Protein backbone atom coordinates (compact mmCIF):
# COMPACT_ATOMS: atom_id res chain seq x y z
CA UNK A 1 0.00 0.00 0.00
CA UNK A 2 1.24 3.50 -0.84
CA UNK A 3 1.40 5.61 2.30
CA UNK A 4 0.59 9.27 1.60
CA UNK A 5 1.11 11.95 4.20
CA UNK A 6 -2.66 12.54 4.20
CA UNK A 7 -5.07 9.67 3.53
CA UNK A 8 -8.79 9.99 2.87
CA UNK A 9 -10.58 7.31 4.90
CA UNK A 10 -13.10 6.56 2.11
CA UNK A 11 -10.31 5.89 -0.33
CA UNK A 12 -8.99 3.15 1.96
CA UNK A 13 -12.17 1.22 2.54
CA UNK A 14 -14.02 2.96 5.35
CA UNK A 15 -17.72 3.18 4.46
CA UNK A 16 -19.09 5.54 7.14
CA UNK A 17 -22.63 4.29 6.59
CA UNK A 18 -23.31 3.27 10.20
CA UNK A 19 -23.81 -0.37 9.20
CA UNK A 20 -20.56 -1.79 7.83
CA UNK A 21 -17.83 -2.57 10.35
CA UNK A 22 -15.13 0.02 9.61
CA UNK A 23 -12.79 -1.23 12.33
CA UNK A 24 -10.73 -3.65 10.20
CA UNK A 25 -10.20 -1.09 7.41
CA UNK A 26 -9.20 1.56 9.93
CA UNK A 27 -6.75 -0.84 11.62
CA UNK A 28 -5.18 -1.71 8.26
CA UNK A 29 -4.81 1.95 7.37
CA UNK A 30 -3.33 2.88 10.78
CA UNK A 31 -0.80 0.04 10.50
CA UNK A 32 0.25 1.04 7.00
CA UNK A 33 0.69 4.69 7.95
CA UNK A 34 2.44 3.72 11.17
CA UNK A 35 4.90 1.52 9.28
CA UNK A 36 5.60 4.34 6.83
CA UNK A 37 6.18 6.83 9.63
CA UNK A 38 8.55 4.43 11.36
CA UNK A 39 10.46 4.08 8.09
CA UNK A 40 10.86 7.72 7.08
CA UNK A 41 10.03 9.67 10.29
CA UNK A 42 7.22 11.66 8.63
CA UNK A 43 3.90 11.63 10.57
CA UNK A 44 0.69 10.88 8.63
CA UNK A 45 -2.94 11.96 8.95
CA UNK A 46 -6.18 10.10 8.29
CA UNK A 47 -8.89 12.49 7.12
CA UNK A 48 -12.37 11.15 7.88
CA UNK A 49 -15.30 12.72 6.00
CA UNK A 50 -18.73 13.15 7.57
CA UNK A 51 -20.48 9.89 8.33
CA UNK A 52 -21.08 7.27 11.02
CA UNK A 53 -18.17 4.82 11.26
CA UNK A 54 -18.93 1.61 13.14
CA UNK A 55 -16.08 0.03 15.11
CA UNK A 56 -17.38 -3.34 16.27
CA UNK A 57 -16.05 -5.93 18.74
CA UNK A 58 -12.38 -4.94 18.55
CA UNK A 59 -10.58 -1.66 19.30
CA UNK A 60 -7.99 -0.18 16.94
CA UNK A 61 -4.43 -0.60 18.17
CA UNK A 62 -2.91 2.82 17.54
CA UNK A 63 0.48 3.61 16.07
CA UNK A 64 2.96 6.38 16.61
CA UNK A 65 2.83 9.24 14.11
CA UNK A 66 -0.74 8.57 12.90
CA UNK A 67 -3.34 11.32 13.41
CA UNK A 68 -7.11 11.06 13.06
CA UNK A 69 -9.02 14.16 11.95
CA UNK A 70 -12.73 14.33 11.21
CA UNK A 71 -15.07 16.85 9.64
CA UNK A 72 -16.36 18.16 12.99
CA UNK A 73 -18.35 17.11 16.03
CA UNK A 74 -21.64 15.60 14.98
CA UNK A 75 -20.44 15.29 11.39
CA UNK A 76 -17.84 12.55 11.77
CA UNK A 77 -18.98 10.02 14.37
CA UNK A 78 -17.30 6.79 15.46
CA UNK A 79 -19.89 4.39 16.86
CA UNK A 80 -18.44 1.79 19.24
CA UNK A 81 -20.21 -1.55 19.72
CA UNK A 82 -19.47 -5.06 20.99
CA UNK A 83 -22.44 -7.32 20.10
CA UNK A 84 -20.15 -10.22 19.25
CA UNK A 85 -17.77 -9.77 22.19
CA UNK A 86 -19.71 -8.94 25.36
CA UNK A 87 -16.64 -9.59 27.51
CA UNK A 88 -14.41 -7.22 25.52
CA UNK A 89 -14.09 -3.43 25.92
CA UNK A 90 -14.04 -1.51 22.64
CA UNK A 91 -12.38 1.91 22.85
CA UNK A 92 -11.86 3.59 19.48
CA UNK A 93 -8.07 3.68 19.87
CA UNK A 94 -5.91 2.00 22.47
CA UNK A 95 -2.29 1.44 23.30
CA UNK A 96 -1.60 0.40 26.89
CA UNK A 97 1.08 -1.01 29.14
CA UNK A 98 -0.84 -4.19 29.96
CA UNK A 99 -1.91 -5.00 26.39
CA UNK A 100 0.92 -3.59 24.29
CA UNK A 101 3.91 -2.98 26.55
CA UNK A 102 3.58 0.81 26.46
CA UNK A 103 6.22 2.75 28.40
CA UNK A 104 8.61 5.68 28.18
CA UNK A 105 10.70 3.77 25.60
CA UNK A 106 7.66 2.39 23.73
CA UNK A 107 5.27 5.28 23.38
CA UNK A 108 2.90 6.96 20.95
CA UNK A 109 4.37 10.20 19.54
CA UNK A 110 3.24 13.04 17.28
CA UNK A 111 -0.48 12.28 17.08
CA UNK A 112 -3.55 14.47 16.78
CA UNK A 113 -7.14 13.38 17.40
CA UNK A 114 -9.47 16.15 16.36
CA UNK A 115 -12.92 17.18 15.17
CA UNK A 116 -15.05 14.08 15.65
CA UNK A 117 -17.57 12.38 17.92
CA UNK A 118 -17.35 9.06 19.76
CA UNK A 119 -20.66 7.38 20.64
CA UNK A 120 -20.09 4.62 23.19
CA UNK A 121 -23.73 3.80 23.92
CA UNK A 122 -23.63 0.42 22.15
CA UNK A 123 -20.83 -1.07 24.25
CA UNK A 124 -22.17 -3.16 27.12
CA UNK A 125 -19.79 -5.48 28.95
CA UNK A 126 -20.94 -8.36 31.16
CA UNK A 127 -19.26 -6.71 34.14
CA UNK A 128 -17.90 -3.22 34.56
CA UNK A 129 -14.68 -2.99 32.55
CA UNK A 130 -12.37 -0.05 33.17
CA UNK A 131 -10.99 -0.21 29.59
CA UNK A 132 -14.41 0.34 27.97
CA UNK A 133 -13.40 3.93 27.15
CA UNK A 134 -13.77 6.25 24.21
CA UNK A 135 -10.02 6.76 23.87
CA UNK A 136 -7.57 4.65 25.87
CA UNK A 137 -3.94 5.52 25.15
CA UNK A 138 -0.97 5.42 27.52
CA UNK A 139 2.42 7.07 27.17
CA UNK A 140 1.71 9.76 24.59
CA UNK A 141 4.43 12.23 23.59
CA UNK A 142 3.60 15.45 21.72
CA UNK A 143 -0.10 14.65 21.47
CA UNK A 144 -3.02 16.95 20.74
CA UNK A 145 -6.63 16.05 21.46
CA UNK A 146 -8.89 18.78 20.15
CA UNK A 147 -12.57 19.49 19.49
CA UNK A 148 -13.86 16.03 20.44
CA UNK A 149 -17.31 14.99 21.69
CA UNK A 150 -17.27 11.71 23.63
CA UNK A 151 -20.47 10.42 25.19
CA UNK A 152 -22.24 7.45 26.76
CA UNK A 153 -19.19 5.25 27.14
CA UNK A 154 -19.39 2.35 29.61
CA UNK A 155 -16.27 3.56 31.44
CA UNK A 156 -14.24 6.79 31.14
CA UNK A 157 -14.79 8.83 27.99
CA UNK A 158 -11.32 10.32 27.54
CA UNK A 159 -9.13 7.86 29.46
CA UNK A 160 -5.54 8.52 28.42
CA UNK A 161 -2.57 8.27 30.79
CA UNK A 162 0.96 9.66 30.95
CA UNK A 163 0.67 12.57 28.53
CA UNK A 164 3.93 14.42 27.93
CA UNK A 165 4.13 17.71 26.00
CA UNK A 166 0.45 17.22 25.27
CA UNK A 167 -2.63 19.45 24.99
CA UNK A 168 -6.20 18.35 25.65
CA UNK A 169 -8.46 21.16 24.45
CA UNK A 170 -12.12 21.60 23.64
CA UNK A 171 -13.09 18.07 24.64
CA UNK A 172 -16.75 17.59 25.61
CA UNK A 173 -17.62 14.46 27.60
CA UNK A 174 -21.20 13.61 28.53
CA UNK A 175 -22.80 10.66 30.38
CA UNK A 176 -19.61 8.61 30.39
CA UNK A 177 -19.07 5.89 32.97
CA UNK A 178 -22.68 4.68 32.63
CA UNK A 179 -21.77 1.16 33.81
CA UNK A 180 -19.76 2.44 36.78
CA UNK A 181 -21.82 2.13 40.00
CA UNK A 182 -19.87 5.07 41.41
CA UNK A 183 -17.29 3.11 43.37
CA UNK A 184 -15.08 1.57 40.65
CA UNK A 185 -11.95 2.89 38.97
CA UNK A 186 -12.55 5.19 36.04
CA UNK A 187 -16.09 6.04 35.00
CA UNK A 188 -15.18 9.69 34.43
CA UNK A 189 -15.53 12.20 31.65
CA UNK A 190 -11.81 12.99 31.44
CA UNK A 191 -9.54 10.70 33.47
CA UNK A 192 -5.77 11.07 33.19
CA UNK A 193 -3.29 8.80 34.95
CA UNK A 194 -0.06 10.57 35.91
CA UNK A 195 3.45 9.76 37.05
CA UNK A 196 4.68 7.46 34.27
CA UNK A 197 7.11 9.98 32.76
CA UNK A 198 8.70 10.88 36.07
CA UNK A 199 8.59 14.02 38.24
CA UNK A 200 7.53 16.38 35.43
CA UNK A 201 4.64 15.80 33.00
CA UNK A 202 3.95 18.80 30.78
CA UNK A 203 0.21 18.65 30.17
CA UNK A 204 -2.43 21.31 29.54
CA UNK A 205 -6.15 20.55 29.82
CA UNK A 206 -8.06 23.59 28.62
CA UNK A 207 -11.55 24.68 27.58
CA UNK A 208 -13.05 21.24 28.21
CA UNK A 209 -16.57 20.42 29.43
CA UNK A 210 -17.56 17.34 31.44
CA UNK A 211 -21.24 16.88 32.23
CA UNK A 212 -23.25 14.06 33.78
CA UNK A 213 -20.38 11.57 34.06
CA UNK A 214 -20.50 8.66 36.50
CA UNK A 215 -17.60 9.62 38.76
CA UNK A 216 -15.42 12.65 37.99
CA UNK A 217 -15.76 15.36 35.46
CA UNK A 218 -11.96 15.67 35.26
CA UNK A 219 -9.43 13.85 37.41
CA UNK A 220 -5.66 13.40 37.66
CA UNK A 221 -4.60 10.18 39.37
CA UNK A 222 -1.17 8.89 40.39
CA UNK A 223 -0.96 5.37 38.99
CA UNK A 224 1.68 3.77 41.23
CA UNK A 225 2.15 4.54 44.91
CA UNK A 226 5.96 4.56 44.72
CA UNK A 227 6.06 7.06 41.84
CA UNK A 228 6.84 10.73 42.45
CA UNK A 229 3.73 12.92 42.09
CA UNK A 230 4.46 14.90 38.92
CA UNK A 231 4.55 18.66 38.43
CA UNK A 232 3.69 20.56 35.26
CA UNK A 233 -0.06 19.90 34.84
CA UNK A 234 -2.54 22.73 34.22
CA UNK A 235 -6.33 22.71 34.03
CA UNK A 236 -7.74 25.98 32.72
CA UNK A 237 -11.10 27.37 31.60
CA UNK A 238 -12.93 24.05 32.03
CA UNK A 239 -16.55 23.41 33.03
CA UNK A 240 -17.73 20.44 35.12
CA UNK A 241 -21.40 19.87 35.98
CA UNK A 242 -23.61 17.06 37.32
CA UNK A 243 -20.75 14.61 37.93
CA UNK A 244 -20.03 12.91 41.27
CA UNK A 245 -16.94 15.13 41.58
CA UNK A 246 -16.17 18.13 39.43
CA UNK A 247 -12.35 18.24 39.30
CA UNK A 248 -10.19 15.90 41.42
CA UNK A 249 -6.49 15.88 42.27
CA UNK A 250 -5.61 12.35 43.33
CA UNK A 251 -1.85 12.50 43.21
CA UNK A 252 -0.37 15.43 41.26
CA UNK A 253 2.13 17.94 42.63
CA UNK A 254 1.58 21.61 41.94
CA UNK A 255 -1.59 21.17 39.89
CA UNK A 256 -2.77 24.56 38.57
CA UNK A 257 -6.55 24.94 38.25
CA UNK A 258 -7.53 28.33 36.88
CA UNK A 259 -10.75 29.94 35.67
CA UNK A 260 -12.89 26.79 35.90
CA UNK A 261 -16.54 26.35 36.86
CA UNK A 262 -17.61 23.39 39.01
CA UNK A 263 -21.40 23.42 39.29
CA UNK A 264 -24.06 21.03 40.53
CA UNK A 265 -21.76 18.07 41.15
CA UNK A 266 -23.08 15.47 43.55
CA UNK A 267 -20.29 15.06 46.14
CA UNK A 268 -17.89 18.00 45.70
CA UNK A 269 -16.91 20.63 43.19
CA UNK A 270 -13.16 20.25 43.76
CA UNK A 271 -11.71 17.24 45.57
CA UNK A 272 -8.31 16.25 46.94
CA UNK A 273 -8.42 12.92 48.77
CA UNK A 274 -7.42 9.25 48.89
CA UNK A 275 -10.15 8.27 46.42
CA UNK A 276 -7.65 7.26 43.73
CA UNK A 277 -6.25 3.80 43.08
CA UNK A 278 -3.05 4.55 45.02
CA UNK A 279 -4.81 6.41 47.88
CA UNK A 280 -2.44 9.37 47.32
CA UNK A 281 -3.86 12.86 47.50
CA UNK A 282 -2.46 15.77 45.56
CA UNK A 283 -0.18 18.35 47.06
CA UNK A 284 1.24 21.75 46.20
CA UNK A 285 -1.73 22.71 44.04
CA UNK A 286 -3.15 26.18 43.37
CA UNK A 287 -6.84 26.77 42.59
CA UNK A 288 -7.60 30.32 41.54
CA UNK A 289 -10.38 32.31 39.91
CA UNK A 290 -12.90 29.45 39.90
CA UNK A 291 -16.64 29.27 40.57
CA UNK A 292 -17.79 26.36 42.76
CA UNK A 293 -21.52 26.78 43.05
CA UNK A 294 -24.59 24.67 43.77
CA UNK A 295 -22.80 21.38 44.36
CA UNK A 296 -24.97 18.96 46.31
CA UNK A 297 -22.19 18.28 48.82
CA UNK A 298 -19.16 20.49 49.37
CA UNK A 299 -17.67 23.24 47.25
CA UNK A 300 -14.06 22.27 48.07
CA UNK A 301 -13.13 19.02 49.84
CA UNK A 302 -9.45 18.73 50.81
CA UNK A 303 -7.83 15.80 52.58
CA UNK A 304 -5.25 13.01 52.66
CA UNK A 305 -2.58 15.50 51.67
CA UNK A 306 0.58 16.61 53.46
CA UNK A 307 0.07 20.02 51.84
CA UNK A 308 0.69 22.63 50.82
CA UNK A 309 -2.39 23.73 48.87
CA UNK A 310 -3.70 27.19 48.02
CA UNK A 311 -7.15 28.51 47.10
CA UNK A 312 -7.18 32.14 45.97
CA UNK A 313 -9.88 34.38 44.56
CA UNK A 314 -12.59 31.73 44.16
CA UNK A 315 -16.35 31.98 44.58
CA UNK A 316 -17.59 29.08 46.75
CA UNK A 317 -21.32 29.46 47.07
CA UNK A 318 -24.72 27.82 47.54
CA UNK A 319 -23.33 24.34 48.13
CA UNK A 320 -25.36 21.71 49.97
CA UNK A 321 -22.93 21.17 52.85
CA UNK A 322 -19.72 23.10 53.49
CA UNK A 323 -18.06 25.71 51.35
CA UNK A 324 -14.61 24.34 52.25
CA UNK A 325 -14.20 21.01 54.09
CA UNK A 326 -10.88 19.80 55.50
CA UNK A 327 -11.11 16.03 56.06
CA UNK A 328 -9.19 12.76 55.81
CA UNK A 329 -10.59 9.56 54.38
CA UNK A 330 -9.50 6.26 55.92
CA UNK A 331 -6.74 4.52 53.99
CA UNK A 332 -4.92 7.65 52.90
CA UNK A 333 -2.35 10.04 54.37
CA UNK A 334 -3.41 11.06 57.90
CA UNK A 335 -0.62 13.52 58.75
CA UNK A 336 -1.56 17.17 59.32
CA UNK A 337 -1.83 19.20 56.14
CA UNK A 338 0.76 21.97 56.29
CA UNK A 339 0.61 25.41 54.68
CA UNK A 340 -2.97 25.35 53.41
CA UNK A 341 -3.85 28.84 52.18
CA UNK A 342 -7.33 30.30 51.81
CA UNK A 343 -6.96 33.81 50.45
CA UNK A 344 -9.44 36.34 49.04
CA UNK A 345 -12.21 33.81 48.46
CA UNK A 346 -15.92 34.65 48.57
CA UNK A 347 -17.51 31.85 50.60
CA UNK A 348 -21.21 32.50 50.92
CA UNK A 349 -24.70 31.00 51.17
CA UNK A 350 -23.50 27.45 51.77
CA UNK A 351 -25.88 25.16 53.64
CA UNK A 352 -23.70 24.51 56.70
CA UNK A 353 -20.34 26.00 57.70
CA UNK A 354 -18.49 28.24 55.32
CA UNK A 355 -15.14 26.66 56.29
CA UNK A 356 -15.09 23.38 58.25
CA UNK A 357 -11.92 21.73 59.64
CA UNK A 358 -12.35 18.05 60.54
CA UNK A 359 -8.72 16.99 60.03
CA UNK A 360 -5.48 18.39 61.48
CA UNK A 361 -4.02 21.56 59.98
CA UNK A 362 -0.55 22.94 60.66
CA UNK A 363 0.22 26.59 60.00
CA UNK A 364 -2.78 27.35 57.78
CA UNK A 365 -3.19 30.88 56.46
CA UNK A 366 -6.78 32.12 56.20
CA UNK A 367 -6.86 35.76 55.25
CA UNK A 368 -8.78 38.44 53.35
CA UNK A 369 -11.76 36.13 52.69
CA UNK A 370 -15.42 37.07 52.80
CA UNK A 371 -17.20 34.26 54.65
CA UNK A 372 -20.76 35.43 54.81
CA UNK A 373 -24.38 34.34 55.03
CA UNK A 374 -23.60 30.65 55.40
CA UNK A 375 -25.68 28.21 57.48
CA UNK A 376 -28.51 28.47 54.97
CA UNK A 377 -29.94 25.09 56.04
CA UNK A 378 -31.88 26.95 58.71
CA UNK A 379 -35.49 25.96 58.01
CA UNK A 380 -37.20 23.83 60.61
CA UNK A 381 -38.75 20.43 60.12
CA UNK A 382 -41.68 20.35 57.71
CA UNK A 383 -44.18 17.87 56.39
CA UNK A 384 -47.18 17.86 54.13
CA UNK A 385 -49.25 15.99 51.60
CA UNK A 386 -52.61 15.97 49.88
CA UNK A 387 -54.00 18.74 47.73
CA UNK A 388 -51.40 21.14 46.39
CA UNK A 389 -48.51 18.68 46.65
CA UNK A 390 -47.04 17.38 43.40
CA UNK A 391 -43.72 15.98 42.27
CA UNK A 392 -41.86 16.51 39.01
CA UNK A 393 -38.84 14.58 37.82
CA UNK A 394 -36.52 16.98 39.66
CA UNK A 395 -38.82 18.82 42.04
CA UNK A 396 -41.42 18.69 44.80
CA UNK A 397 -43.95 21.51 45.10
CA UNK A 398 -46.28 22.25 48.00
CA UNK A 399 -48.51 25.19 47.14
CA UNK A 400 -49.42 25.62 50.79
CA UNK A 401 -45.86 25.85 52.07
CA UNK A 402 -44.03 28.98 53.16
CA UNK A 403 -40.43 27.78 53.46
CA UNK A 404 -37.38 29.92 54.04
CA UNK A 405 -35.76 30.20 50.58
CA UNK A 406 -32.64 28.06 50.63
CA UNK A 407 -33.54 26.83 54.12
CA UNK A 408 -33.79 23.16 53.13
CA UNK A 409 -30.58 23.17 51.06
CA UNK A 410 -28.78 19.85 51.40
CA UNK A 411 -31.58 18.08 53.29
CA UNK A 412 -33.09 14.73 52.36
CA UNK A 413 -36.81 14.84 51.68
CA UNK A 414 -38.67 11.59 52.36
CA UNK A 415 -41.76 10.93 50.28
CA UNK A 416 -44.31 8.12 50.50
CA UNK A 417 -43.68 5.90 47.50
CA UNK A 418 -47.22 4.73 46.77
CA UNK A 419 -48.07 4.52 43.09
CA UNK A 420 -45.45 6.21 40.94
CA UNK A 421 -45.30 7.14 37.30
CA UNK A 422 -42.49 5.19 35.62
CA UNK A 423 -39.89 7.21 33.78
CA UNK A 424 -36.37 6.78 32.42
CA UNK A 425 -33.55 7.38 34.85
CA UNK A 426 -31.20 8.83 32.27
CA UNK A 427 -31.27 10.11 28.75
CA UNK A 428 -28.80 8.44 26.40
CA UNK A 429 -29.21 9.03 22.68
CA UNK A 430 -31.55 6.88 20.64
CA UNK A 431 -30.28 3.32 20.44
CA UNK A 432 -28.14 3.80 23.57
CA UNK A 433 -28.24 2.00 26.86
CA UNK A 434 -28.77 3.60 30.21
CA UNK A 435 -26.49 1.01 31.81
CA UNK A 436 -26.38 0.15 35.48
CA UNK A 437 -27.50 2.85 37.92
CA UNK A 438 -24.68 4.60 39.73
CA UNK A 439 -24.56 5.15 43.46
CA UNK A 440 -26.19 8.42 44.50
CA UNK A 441 -25.96 10.45 47.72
CA UNK A 442 -29.71 10.16 48.06
CA UNK A 443 -32.58 8.49 46.32
CA UNK A 444 -32.31 4.84 47.36
CA UNK A 445 -35.54 3.40 48.77
CA UNK A 446 -35.67 3.81 52.53
CA UNK A 447 -36.41 0.90 54.84
CA UNK A 448 -40.00 1.40 56.01
CA UNK A 449 -40.86 1.12 59.68
CA UNK A 450 -43.43 -1.49 60.73
CA UNK A 451 -46.86 -0.58 59.41
CA UNK A 452 -45.60 2.52 57.59
CA UNK A 453 -45.77 2.99 53.82
CA UNK A 454 -42.51 2.65 51.90
CA UNK A 455 -40.63 5.89 51.35
CA UNK A 456 -38.16 7.16 48.81
CA UNK A 457 -35.63 9.89 49.48
CA UNK A 458 -34.23 12.66 47.35
CA UNK A 459 -31.63 15.32 48.05
CA UNK A 460 -32.60 18.99 47.99
CA UNK A 461 -30.20 21.22 46.09
CA UNK A 462 -32.20 24.43 46.71
CA UNK A 463 -35.69 25.66 47.45
CA UNK A 464 -38.08 28.56 47.12
CA UNK A 465 -41.05 29.21 49.43
CA UNK A 466 -43.05 26.42 47.78
CA UNK A 467 -40.72 24.33 45.61
CA UNK A 468 -37.84 21.95 46.35
CA UNK A 469 -35.29 21.52 43.57
CA UNK A 470 -33.80 18.03 43.72
CA UNK A 471 -30.51 16.37 42.79
CA UNK A 472 -30.66 13.71 40.01
CA UNK A 473 -30.57 10.18 41.39
CA UNK A 474 -27.16 9.79 39.75
CA UNK A 475 -25.01 11.85 37.39
CA UNK A 476 -26.54 12.12 33.94
CA UNK A 477 -30.00 11.11 35.14
CA UNK A 478 -33.15 13.06 34.33
CA UNK A 479 -34.99 12.27 37.57
CA UNK A 480 -34.41 12.42 41.31
CA UNK A 481 -36.68 9.44 41.97
CA UNK A 482 -35.32 5.86 41.75
CA UNK A 483 -38.69 4.23 41.08
CA UNK A 484 -40.63 6.85 39.19
CA UNK A 485 -42.14 10.19 40.22
CA UNK A 486 -44.31 9.96 43.38
CA UNK A 487 -48.03 10.34 42.84
CA UNK A 488 -49.82 13.69 43.33
CA UNK A 489 -50.60 14.38 46.95
CA UNK A 490 -47.88 12.05 48.28
CA UNK A 491 -46.97 12.68 51.91
CA UNK A 492 -43.49 14.11 52.50
CA UNK A 493 -41.33 15.15 55.44
CA UNK A 494 -38.17 17.21 55.88
CA UNK A 495 -35.82 17.08 58.91
CA UNK A 496 -34.99 19.92 61.25
CA UNK A 497 -32.08 22.29 60.77
CA UNK A 498 -28.74 21.27 62.32
CA UNK A 499 -26.94 23.66 64.67
CA UNK A 500 -24.67 25.42 65.16
CA UNK A 501 -23.66 26.64 61.72
CA UNK A 502 -20.60 28.87 61.67
CA UNK A 503 -18.51 30.82 59.23
CA UNK A 504 -15.35 28.99 60.41
CA UNK A 505 -15.57 25.77 62.43
CA UNK A 506 -12.62 23.85 63.85
CA UNK A 507 -13.32 20.29 65.03
CA UNK A 508 -9.73 18.99 64.89
CA UNK A 509 -6.20 20.08 65.77
CA UNK A 510 -5.23 23.46 64.30
CA UNK A 511 -1.69 24.56 65.16
CA UNK A 512 -0.15 27.99 64.60
CA UNK A 513 -2.88 29.37 62.31
CA UNK A 514 -2.78 32.80 60.74
CA UNK A 515 -6.32 34.18 60.50
CA UNK A 516 -6.37 37.82 59.47
CA UNK A 517 -8.45 40.38 57.63
CA UNK A 518 -11.48 38.16 57.04
CA UNK A 519 -15.07 39.36 56.98
CA UNK A 520 -16.98 36.57 58.70
CA UNK A 521 -20.48 37.85 59.24
CA UNK A 522 -24.10 37.52 58.17
CA UNK A 523 -26.05 40.45 56.81
CA UNK A 524 -28.90 38.40 55.38
CA UNK A 525 -32.55 38.41 56.38
CA UNK A 526 -32.87 36.32 58.42
CA UNK A 527 -29.36 35.71 59.65
CA UNK A 528 -28.49 32.01 59.37
CA UNK A 529 -24.75 31.95 60.10
CA UNK A 530 -24.96 31.44 63.86
CA UNK A 531 -21.33 32.22 64.78
CA UNK A 532 -18.33 33.67 63.03
CA UNK A 533 -15.96 31.15 64.67
CA UNK A 534 -16.83 27.93 66.52
CA UNK A 535 -14.23 25.79 68.25
CA UNK A 536 -16.08 22.48 68.62
CA UNK A 537 -15.49 20.09 71.55
CA UNK A 538 -12.91 18.07 69.57
CA UNK A 539 -10.92 21.12 68.48
CA UNK A 540 -7.36 21.73 69.68
CA UNK A 541 -6.49 25.29 68.68
CA UNK A 542 -2.85 26.01 69.53
CA UNK A 543 -0.87 29.20 69.11
CA UNK A 544 -1.06 31.36 66.02
CA UNK A 545 -2.66 34.73 65.39
CA UNK A 546 -6.29 35.72 64.94
CA UNK A 547 -6.44 39.44 64.33
CA UNK A 548 -8.00 42.21 62.30
CA UNK A 549 -11.13 40.23 61.40
CA UNK A 550 -14.74 41.41 61.26
CA UNK A 551 -16.78 38.88 63.26
CA UNK A 552 -19.86 41.04 63.73
CA UNK A 553 -23.46 40.55 62.66
CA UNK A 554 -23.90 36.79 63.08
CA UNK A 555 -27.16 35.31 64.30
CA UNK A 556 -26.02 34.44 67.83
CA UNK A 557 -22.52 35.61 68.72
CA UNK A 558 -19.13 36.28 67.21
CA UNK A 559 -17.45 33.23 68.73
CA UNK A 560 -18.31 30.00 70.54
CA UNK A 561 -15.55 28.11 72.34
CA UNK A 562 -16.57 24.61 73.38
CA UNK A 563 -12.82 23.93 73.43
CA UNK A 564 -10.87 27.05 74.44
CA UNK A 565 -7.82 28.05 72.38
CA UNK A 566 -4.36 27.52 73.85
CA UNK A 567 -1.86 30.32 73.48
CA UNK A 568 -1.65 32.53 70.44
CA UNK A 569 -2.99 36.03 70.00
CA UNK A 570 -6.65 36.95 69.53
CA UNK A 571 -6.80 40.71 69.13
CA UNK A 572 -8.29 43.60 67.20
CA UNK A 573 -11.25 41.57 65.93
CA UNK A 574 -14.51 43.49 65.46
CA UNK A 575 -17.76 42.04 66.76
């Protein structure tokens, strides 16, 4: 076969009619161009005209120096399917350590994947298979992944690891990880393993969108525990929405996250923890100029890290639990996080505490933040049913209610199941498969008490005086109800508000903190942030400086010390 520098896919046997299996022809073409590149050192490109190209039962083993360029998202579409191999994952392109011996000396170089769609809705493996991705390449050098739309894959959509001198830009991932129950590896929109190239991996992820994916919108994950967490990775101008986690750092060093939006994710907007396969949290990262709003759990969740970490100039608002939560998961690093910096952030209208410390901190710096109007989960217990009560796929309305707006944020509403209207849980494209339901923070049927009707639960993301807005039962779903929408008039109940709810709460050891120039107050109507600072019974606050802060205007008092501070200087604080 003659190997031109640019090959038209139709001229080499790809039909693009959505019926013929184009996988074998594509594999033959990639091998021919790869052999030619290896011989003369000149990279080649496959141009793929508009059409639907079926890749069935077997992925394409990719070759160095071969690029794949389509006619645009929605115009050129690769449809993945495995009807004849239900035990086999079928990514479009793969090259991995386990299957192909990929490594620093056996890598993919000088490749571009651009301007096409990958539809993974027709891949269904017998059990969850982490390799059932859209793209699954490891050890890529000088790669560019641009203007791609990857959706409805069984596992991660864009699942490429160890990317050196590489750019991932303009990648849209939707409803990926549909077979992941929420607790397995992968299942993300964009999942990138790190550490294989050594202490520096030069990677930029920019202008990408990840929506409705089973686990993470975007995550970086150290792949071997004994590897050095790499520096050099940047995530900029990305949008994550309706995933379990928005953006996660599970093992990078010095990750830069800038100008991103993390909205409506189910557990946290930004997460550093031991969730990854090696139980190694990130360290040395900087998150700046981001919006973390309306997440069902926390805006920022930081833990299992030795530190440092810095959050500067972010808006952290209207989240269903804490604005910022310091915590440690079991199984990961438990040493105090050192040199955590919270500077010039606007932390407001979160359901519980603005800043909550449940794991040890050493020498944190918390300064020039506005921590205001938190504790929004202030509405009392409520119940109702009968006339005027109706449920939608993502709402419950009681026309007779008069709730405090935002006062039920983050609560679980329990509703009598009764007769329910059946409805789809998620919305894959026509011909797709909804896959196995993923774990959700709320929505599983509750165990009924003796003689009581069965109940279902849903999580409230926000509310008006008469309407509860609810979190989808899992990422990518179109309903909050696991068994169909409850019938009109169904009885419901909401729990009471927890207390206290503070701007800054310490419930662990905090040593030598610097807390200065913050505005920690509530000027809302009514005031819901009970205290500016609460040292809970388990707190051990030692040394440091707390000065020049505005602690006035909270609902109860400026401070509450259930565990008095030891040493340090508390001075010149207003309120």
